[in-house]
Amino acid sequence: MPEQRSKLSRLLFGLLAYSSLAIGLIAIVVPGLPTTEFILLAAWAATRSSPRLSAWLENHRLFGPMLFNWRNGKVIARKAKVSATLSMLICAGIMLTLLEHHWTMLAAIGGMLLGNLWIWSRPETPALNS
């Protein structure tokens, strides 16, 4: 029974890893959709399901440094912070322009604001260990 559970968990973690990676890749070109969170989720799930995918993410020219920074002090580079902020502003602007101002749209913009505040609360460089 434990072997079946192990195979099932690897399969589920693999599905999570690949679907998160797919969403993260789409998020690169879709304003308002966060890239970083999906890549971090993909990397986390890949470590539990696919050593090959995990190694690919770790060695990727864009994702590798992001993962390294996150694992070494929960660091988010300033460039990523600015990119996320601009993306959220563009998305909020489009929503405010094209959609009716229902509470759901305002809640989405509030969520982007809270996410942005959290992103800017993260360090930009690893802490120096004494």
Protein backbone atom coordinates (compact mmCIF):
# COMPACT_ATOMS: atom_id res chain seq x y z
CA MET A 1 0.00 0.00 0.00
CA PRO A 2 2.76 2.58 0.80
CA GLU A 3 4.24 1.99 -2.66
CA GLN A 4 0.89 2.81 -4.29
CA ARG A 5 0.59 5.95 -2.18
CA SER A 6 4.11 6.93 -3.19
CA LYS A 7 3.34 6.47 -6.89
CA LEU A 8 0.09 8.39 -6.55
CA SER A 9 1.73 11.25 -4.65
CA ARG A 10 4.54 11.45 -7.23
CA LEU A 11 1.94 11.56 -9.99
CA LEU A 12 -0.08 14.29 -8.23
CA PHE A 13 3.02 16.34 -7.44
CA GLY A 14 4.12 15.90 -11.06
CA LEU A 15 0.77 17.15 -12.33
CA LEU A 16 1.02 20.12 -10.00
CA ALA A 17 4.60 20.83 -11.10
CA TYR A 18 3.90 20.72 -14.83
CA SER A 19 0.61 22.62 -14.63
CA SER A 20 2.22 25.31 -12.44
CA LEU A 21 5.10 25.57 -14.88
CA ALA A 22 2.66 25.92 -17.80
CA ILE A 23 0.77 28.70 -16.00
CA GLY A 24 4.06 30.36 -15.08
CA LEU A 25 5.18 30.31 -18.71
CA ILE A 26 1.86 31.78 -19.84
CA ALA A 27 2.16 34.41 -17.10
CA ILE A 28 5.35 35.73 -18.70
CA VAL A 29 3.25 37.28 -21.46
CA VAL A 30 -0.12 37.84 -19.70
CA PRO A 31 -0.26 41.03 -17.65
CA GLY A 32 -1.54 40.59 -14.12
CA LEU A 33 -0.84 36.87 -13.92
CA PRO A 34 2.03 36.22 -11.48
CA THR A 35 4.99 34.30 -12.85
CA THR A 36 7.15 33.95 -9.76
CA GLU A 37 4.59 32.22 -7.57
CA PHE A 38 3.82 29.57 -10.18
CA ILE A 39 7.50 28.88 -10.86
CA LEU A 40 8.16 28.54 -7.12
CA LEU A 41 5.21 26.16 -6.82
CA ALA A 42 6.44 24.17 -9.84
CA ALA A 43 9.92 23.88 -8.32
CA TRP A 44 8.52 22.79 -4.96
CA ALA A 45 6.32 20.12 -6.55
CA ALA A 46 9.11 19.01 -8.91
CA THR A 47 11.42 18.25 -5.97
CA ARG A 48 8.77 15.75 -4.83
CA SER A 49 8.04 14.20 -8.21
CA SER A 50 10.58 14.74 -10.96
CA PRO A 51 14.31 15.11 -10.39
CA ARG A 52 14.69 15.84 -14.11
CA LEU A 53 12.21 18.77 -14.06
CA SER A 54 13.68 20.01 -10.79
CA ALA A 55 17.20 20.06 -12.28
CA TRP A 56 15.91 21.77 -15.44
CA LEU A 57 14.28 24.52 -13.39
CA GLU A 58 17.37 24.93 -11.19
CA ASN A 59 19.60 25.32 -14.26
CA HIS A 60 17.25 27.46 -16.35
CA ARG A 61 18.69 30.87 -17.26
CA LEU A 62 15.58 32.75 -16.07
CA PHE A 63 14.14 30.51 -13.38
CA GLY A 64 17.37 29.22 -11.84
CA PRO A 65 18.46 32.55 -10.30
CA MET A 66 14.91 33.20 -9.06
CA LEU A 67 14.82 29.81 -7.32
CA PHE A 68 18.32 30.26 -5.91
CA ASN A 69 17.39 33.67 -4.49
CA TRP A 70 14.18 32.35 -2.96
CA ARG A 71 15.87 29.37 -1.33
CA ASN A 72 18.62 31.59 0.05
CA GLY A 73 16.72 34.15 2.06
CA LYS A 74 13.33 34.51 0.31
CA VAL A 75 14.91 37.18 -1.90
CA ILE A 76 13.02 38.81 -4.79
CA ALA A 77 15.19 40.89 -7.12
CA ARG A 78 14.24 44.53 -7.68
CA LYS A 79 13.79 43.89 -11.40
CA ALA A 80 11.18 41.21 -10.62
CA LYS A 81 9.44 43.54 -8.15
CA VAL A 82 9.24 46.35 -10.70
CA SER A 83 8.05 43.96 -13.40
CA ALA A 84 5.34 42.55 -11.12
CA THR A 85 4.21 46.03 -10.10
CA LEU A 86 4.00 47.27 -13.69
CA SER A 87 2.14 44.13 -14.73
CA MET A 88 -0.38 44.57 -11.93
CA LEU A 89 -0.85 48.27 -12.75
CA ILE A 90 -1.49 47.46 -16.41
CA CYS A 91 -3.95 44.74 -15.46
CA ALA A 92 -5.76 47.01 -12.96
CA GLY A 93 -5.92 49.78 -15.58
CA ILE A 94 -7.42 47.43 -18.15
CA MET A 95 -9.94 46.15 -15.62
CA LEU A 96 -10.95 49.65 -14.54
CA THR A 97 -11.32 50.72 -18.17
CA LEU A 98 -13.11 47.73 -19.66
CA LEU A 99 -15.10 46.12 -16.85
CA GLU A 100 -18.05 47.24 -14.80
CA HIS A 101 -16.98 48.22 -11.32
CA HIS A 102 -18.43 45.30 -9.37
CA TRP A 103 -17.12 44.21 -6.00
CA THR A 104 -15.34 41.24 -7.60
CA MET A 105 -13.19 43.50 -9.76
CA LEU A 106 -12.40 45.71 -6.79
CA ALA A 107 -11.53 42.61 -4.75
CA ALA A 108 -9.16 41.46 -7.52
CA ILE A 109 -7.45 44.87 -7.52
CA GLY A 110 -7.27 44.70 -3.71
CA GLY A 111 -5.64 41.28 -4.00
CA MET A 112 -3.10 42.67 -6.44
CA LEU A 113 -2.39 45.52 -4.02
CA LEU A 114 -1.85 43.12 -1.12
CA GLY A 115 0.33 40.86 -3.28
CA ASN A 116 2.36 43.85 -4.38
CA LEU A 117 2.86 45.00 -0.79
CA TRP A 118 4.06 41.50 0.13
CA ILE A 119 6.45 41.40 -2.84
CA TRP A 120 7.99 44.74 -1.84
CA SER A 121 8.36 43.53 1.76
CA ARG A 122 10.79 40.79 0.63
CA PRO A 123 14.53 41.50 0.69
CA GLU A 124 16.31 42.28 -2.59
CA THR A 125 19.67 40.85 -1.61
CA PRO A 126 20.59 37.86 0.57
CA ALA A 127 21.25 38.69 4.22
CA LEU A 128 24.90 38.54 5.16
CA ASN A 129 25.64 35.79 7.67
CA SER A 130 28.02 36.86 10.39
